[in-house]
Amino acid sequence: MTAEETLQTELQFYEKNKQEYLKLYPGQFVLIKGEQFGGAYTTDAEAYKAGLDQFGDQTFLIRQVLEDGTKVSYPALTVGVMSIHP
C-alpha cells in the first residue's frame, strides 16, 4: 500500500469515528495507524511521541478532534519542517 493510500485509509477511519471522538476527546489529538486507533492525547507532541513509540518510523496520522469548520494552522507542517523520521 502506498503512503497516499495509507493516508486515505486513516482519514476515512477518522471520519467514520469522528462523532465518537467528538464526544470522548473534543479538542484532543487522536493517533491513527491504518484502521487502528492509537489513543487520544492532550497535545500534538504527546501524540507524536506515542506514534513513534508505537509505530517507529512508519507513517501515522495525528488529527485534532474538532467540529467541522474549525480552522487550525500548523505552519511547520505546511512548509515541511517537521518529519516523522527523527
N, C-alpha and C. Protein backbone atom coordinates (compact mmCIF):
# COMPACT_ATOMS: atom_id res chain seq x y z
N MET A 1 0.84 -1.18 0.00
CA MET A 1 0.00 0.00 0.00
C MET A 1 0.89 1.25 0.00
N THR A 2 0.58 2.20 -0.86
CA THR A 2 1.37 3.42 -0.94
C THR A 2 1.05 4.34 0.24
N ALA A 3 1.90 5.34 0.44
CA ALA A 3 1.68 6.30 1.52
C ALA A 3 0.36 7.05 1.31
N GLU A 4 0.04 7.38 0.08
CA GLU A 4 -1.22 8.07 -0.22
C GLU A 4 -2.43 7.20 0.14
N GLU A 5 -2.35 5.92 -0.19
CA GLU A 5 -3.45 5.00 0.13
C GLU A 5 -3.59 4.83 1.64
N THR A 6 -2.46 4.76 2.33
CA THR A 6 -2.47 4.63 3.79
C THR A 6 -3.11 5.87 4.41
N LEU A 7 -2.70 7.05 3.95
CA LEU A 7 -3.28 8.29 4.47
C LEU A 7 -4.78 8.34 4.21
N GLN A 8 -5.20 7.94 3.03
CA GLN A 8 -6.62 7.93 2.69
C GLN A 8 -7.39 6.99 3.64
N THR A 9 -6.82 5.82 3.90
CA THR A 9 -7.43 4.87 4.83
C THR A 9 -7.57 5.47 6.21
N GLU A 10 -6.52 6.14 6.68
CA GLU A 10 -6.53 6.74 8.02
C GLU A 10 -7.53 7.89 8.10
N LEU A 11 -7.60 8.71 7.07
CA LEU A 11 -8.57 9.80 7.05
C LEU A 11 -10.01 9.27 7.04
N GLN A 12 -10.24 8.22 6.28
CA GLN A 12 -11.57 7.61 6.24
C GLN A 12 -11.94 7.01 7.60
N PHE A 13 -10.97 6.37 8.25
CA PHE A 13 -11.19 5.80 9.58
C PHE A 13 -11.52 6.92 10.58
N TYR A 14 -10.80 8.03 10.49
CA TYR A 14 -11.08 9.17 11.36
C TYR A 14 -12.51 9.67 11.13
N GLU A 15 -12.87 9.89 9.88
CA GLU A 15 -14.20 10.41 9.57
C GLU A 15 -15.30 9.45 10.03
N LYS A 16 -15.07 8.16 9.87
CA LYS A 16 -16.05 7.16 10.30
C LYS A 16 -16.28 7.21 11.81
N ASN A 17 -15.25 7.55 12.56
CA ASN A 17 -15.32 7.55 14.02
C ASN A 17 -15.38 8.95 14.63
N LYS A 18 -15.47 9.97 13.81
CA LYS A 18 -15.37 11.35 14.27
C LYS A 18 -16.41 11.71 15.33
N GLN A 19 -17.66 11.31 15.15
CA GLN A 19 -18.69 11.67 16.12
C GLN A 19 -18.38 11.10 17.51
N GLU A 20 -17.88 9.88 17.53
CA GLU A 20 -17.49 9.28 18.81
C GLU A 20 -16.31 10.04 19.41
N TYR A 21 -15.33 10.39 18.58
CA TYR A 21 -14.17 11.15 19.06
C TYR A 21 -14.59 12.51 19.60
N LEU A 22 -15.56 13.17 18.92
CA LEU A 22 -16.05 14.47 19.39
C LEU A 22 -16.69 14.36 20.77
N LYS A 23 -17.36 13.25 21.04
CA LYS A 23 -17.97 13.04 22.35
C LYS A 23 -16.92 12.74 23.42
N LEU A 24 -15.96 11.90 23.06
CA LEU A 24 -14.98 11.42 24.04
C LEU A 24 -13.72 12.27 24.17
N TYR A 25 -13.27 12.85 23.06
CA TYR A 25 -11.96 13.52 23.04
C TYR A 25 -11.99 14.90 22.38
N PRO A 26 -12.97 15.75 22.65
CA PRO A 26 -13.03 17.05 21.96
C PRO A 26 -11.76 17.88 22.20
N GLY A 27 -11.20 18.39 21.11
CA GLY A 27 -10.01 19.23 21.18
C GLY A 27 -8.71 18.48 21.35
N GLN A 28 -8.78 17.18 21.62
CA GLN A 28 -7.56 16.39 21.80
C GLN A 28 -7.03 15.93 20.43
N PHE A 29 -5.90 15.28 20.45
CA PHE A 29 -5.25 14.78 19.25
C PHE A 29 -5.32 13.26 19.23
N VAL A 30 -5.92 12.70 18.18
CA VAL A 30 -6.01 11.25 18.07
C VAL A 30 -4.90 10.74 17.16
N LEU A 31 -4.43 9.57 17.48
CA LEU A 31 -3.37 8.89 16.74
C LEU A 31 -4.00 7.71 16.02
N ILE A 32 -3.77 7.63 14.70
CA ILE A 32 -4.36 6.57 13.90
C ILE A 32 -3.30 5.98 12.98
N LYS A 33 -3.26 4.67 12.94
CA LYS A 33 -2.38 3.94 12.02
C LYS A 33 -3.25 2.97 11.24
N GLY A 34 -3.42 3.21 9.95
CA GLY A 34 -4.31 2.36 9.15
C GLY A 34 -5.72 2.49 9.70
N GLU A 35 -6.30 1.38 10.14
CA GLU A 35 -7.61 1.40 10.77
C GLU A 35 -7.50 1.05 12.25
N GLN A 36 -6.40 1.47 12.85
CA GLN A 36 -6.13 1.21 14.27
C GLN A 36 -6.07 2.53 15.03
N PHE A 37 -6.84 2.62 16.11
CA PHE A 37 -6.83 3.79 16.98
C PHE A 37 -5.67 3.64 17.95
N GLY A 38 -4.77 4.62 17.94
CA GLY A 38 -3.59 4.55 18.79
C GLY A 38 -3.68 5.36 20.07
N GLY A 39 -4.83 6.01 20.30
CA GLY A 39 -5.01 6.76 21.53
C GLY A 39 -5.34 8.21 21.28
N ALA A 40 -5.73 8.90 22.35
CA ALA A 40 -6.03 10.33 22.31
C ALA A 40 -5.09 11.03 23.29
N TYR A 41 -4.60 12.19 22.89
CA TYR A 41 -3.57 12.88 23.66
C TYR A 41 -3.91 14.37 23.77
N THR A 42 -3.45 14.98 24.85
CA THR A 42 -3.73 16.39 25.11
C THR A 42 -3.03 17.31 24.13
N THR A 43 -1.82 16.96 23.73
CA THR A 43 -1.06 17.81 22.80
C THR A 43 -0.63 16.99 21.58
N ASP A 44 -0.32 17.71 20.52
CA ASP A 44 0.17 17.04 19.32
C ASP A 44 1.54 16.42 19.58
N ALA A 45 2.35 17.03 20.45
CA ALA A 45 3.66 16.48 20.79
C ALA A 45 3.54 15.14 21.50
N GLU A 46 2.57 15.02 22.41
CA GLU A 46 2.33 13.74 23.09
C GLU A 46 1.90 12.68 22.08
N ALA A 47 1.02 13.06 21.16
CA ALA A 47 0.55 12.11 20.14
C ALA A 47 1.70 11.69 19.23
N TYR A 48 2.56 12.63 18.88
CA TYR A 48 3.70 12.33 18.02
C TYR A 48 4.65 11.35 18.71
N LYS A 49 4.96 11.61 19.98
CA LYS A 49 5.85 10.70 20.73
C LYS A 49 5.23 9.31 20.83
N ALA A 50 3.93 9.26 21.12
CA ALA A 50 3.25 7.96 21.20
C ALA A 50 3.28 7.25 19.85
N GLY A 51 3.13 7.99 18.78
CA GLY A 51 3.20 7.40 17.44
C GLY A 51 4.57 6.79 17.17
N LEU A 52 5.61 7.51 17.55
CA LEU A 52 6.96 6.97 17.37
C LEU A 52 7.17 5.73 18.24
N ASP A 53 6.68 5.77 19.47
CA ASP A 53 6.81 4.63 20.38
C ASP A 53 6.06 3.41 19.86
N GLN A 54 4.85 3.63 19.31
CA GLN A 54 4.01 2.51 18.86
C GLN A 54 4.38 2.01 17.47
N PHE A 55 4.75 2.94 16.56
CA PHE A 55 4.89 2.56 15.15
C PHE A 55 6.27 2.81 14.57
N GLY A 56 7.19 3.31 15.38
CA GLY A 56 8.55 3.55 14.90
C GLY A 56 8.56 4.55 13.76
N ASP A 57 9.32 4.23 12.72
CA ASP A 57 9.45 5.17 11.61
C ASP A 57 8.40 4.99 10.51
N GLN A 58 7.35 4.24 10.81
CA GLN A 58 6.24 4.10 9.86
C GLN A 58 5.38 5.35 9.89
N THR A 59 4.65 5.60 8.82
CA THR A 59 3.76 6.75 8.80
C THR A 59 2.54 6.50 9.67
N PHE A 60 1.99 7.58 10.22
CA PHE A 60 0.76 7.51 11.00
C PHE A 60 0.11 8.88 10.93
N LEU A 61 -1.16 8.93 11.32
CA LEU A 61 -1.94 10.16 11.27
C LEU A 61 -2.19 10.68 12.68
N ILE A 62 -1.96 11.98 12.87
CA ILE A 62 -2.36 12.67 14.08
C ILE A 62 -3.36 13.72 13.65
N ARG A 63 -4.54 13.70 14.27
CA ARG A 63 -5.60 14.63 13.87
C ARG A 63 -6.25 15.21 15.12
N GLN A 64 -6.36 16.54 15.16
CA GLN A 64 -7.05 17.16 16.28
C GLN A 64 -8.55 16.99 16.08
N VAL A 65 -9.23 16.62 17.14
CA VAL A 65 -10.67 16.36 17.09
C VAL A 65 -11.41 17.68 17.26
N LEU A 66 -11.93 18.20 16.15
CA LEU A 66 -12.62 19.49 16.14
C LEU A 66 -13.90 19.38 15.33
N GLU A 67 -14.85 20.24 15.66
CA GLU A 67 -16.07 20.34 14.86
C GLU A 67 -15.71 20.77 13.44
N ASP A 68 -16.53 20.41 12.47
CA ASP A 68 -16.32 20.85 11.10
C ASP A 68 -16.30 22.37 11.05
N GLY A 69 -15.43 22.91 10.20
CA GLY A 69 -15.36 24.36 10.03
C GLY A 69 -14.34 25.03 10.93
N THR A 70 -13.83 24.33 11.93
CA THR A 70 -12.81 24.90 12.80
C THR A 70 -11.48 24.83 12.09
N LYS A 71 -10.80 25.96 11.99
CA LYS A 71 -9.53 26.02 11.29
C LYS A 71 -8.37 26.04 12.28
N VAL A 72 -7.38 25.20 12.02
CA VAL A 72 -6.17 25.16 12.82
C VAL A 72 -5.00 25.15 11.86
N SER A 73 -3.98 25.92 12.16
CA SER A 73 -2.82 26.01 11.28
C SER A 73 -1.57 25.52 11.99
N TYR A 74 -0.82 24.69 11.31
CA TYR A 74 0.47 24.21 11.80
C TYR A 74 1.52 24.57 10.75
N PRO A 75 2.06 25.79 10.81
CA PRO A 75 2.98 26.25 9.77
C PRO A 75 4.17 25.32 9.52
N ALA A 76 4.70 24.69 10.56
CA ALA A 76 5.86 23.80 10.37
C ALA A 76 5.49 22.63 9.47
N LEU A 77 4.26 22.12 9.60
CA LEU A 77 3.83 21.02 8.73
C LEU A 77 3.62 21.51 7.31
N THR A 78 3.10 22.72 7.16
CA THR A 78 2.80 23.27 5.85
C THR A 78 4.06 23.40 4.99
N VAL A 79 5.14 23.84 5.59
CA VAL A 79 6.38 24.05 4.84
C VAL A 79 7.31 22.85 4.90
N GLY A 80 6.88 21.77 5.55
CA GLY A 80 7.67 20.53 5.56
C GLY A 80 8.81 20.51 6.54
N VAL A 81 8.78 21.36 7.57
CA VAL A 81 9.87 21.40 8.55
C VAL A 81 9.84 20.17 9.43
N MET A 82 8.64 19.70 9.77
CA MET A 82 8.52 18.53 10.63
C MET A 82 8.48 17.25 9.79
N SER A 83 9.02 16.21 10.34
CA SER A 83 9.03 14.92 9.68
C SER A 83 8.85 13.86 10.74
N ILE A 84 8.30 12.70 10.35
CA ILE A 84 8.16 11.63 11.33
C ILE A 84 9.45 10.86 11.52
N HIS A 85 10.44 11.18 10.70
CA HIS A 85 11.71 10.47 10.82
C HIS A 85 12.67 11.28 11.67
N PRO A 86 13.06 10.77 12.84
CA PRO A 86 13.96 11.51 13.75
C PRO A 86 15.35 11.68 13.17
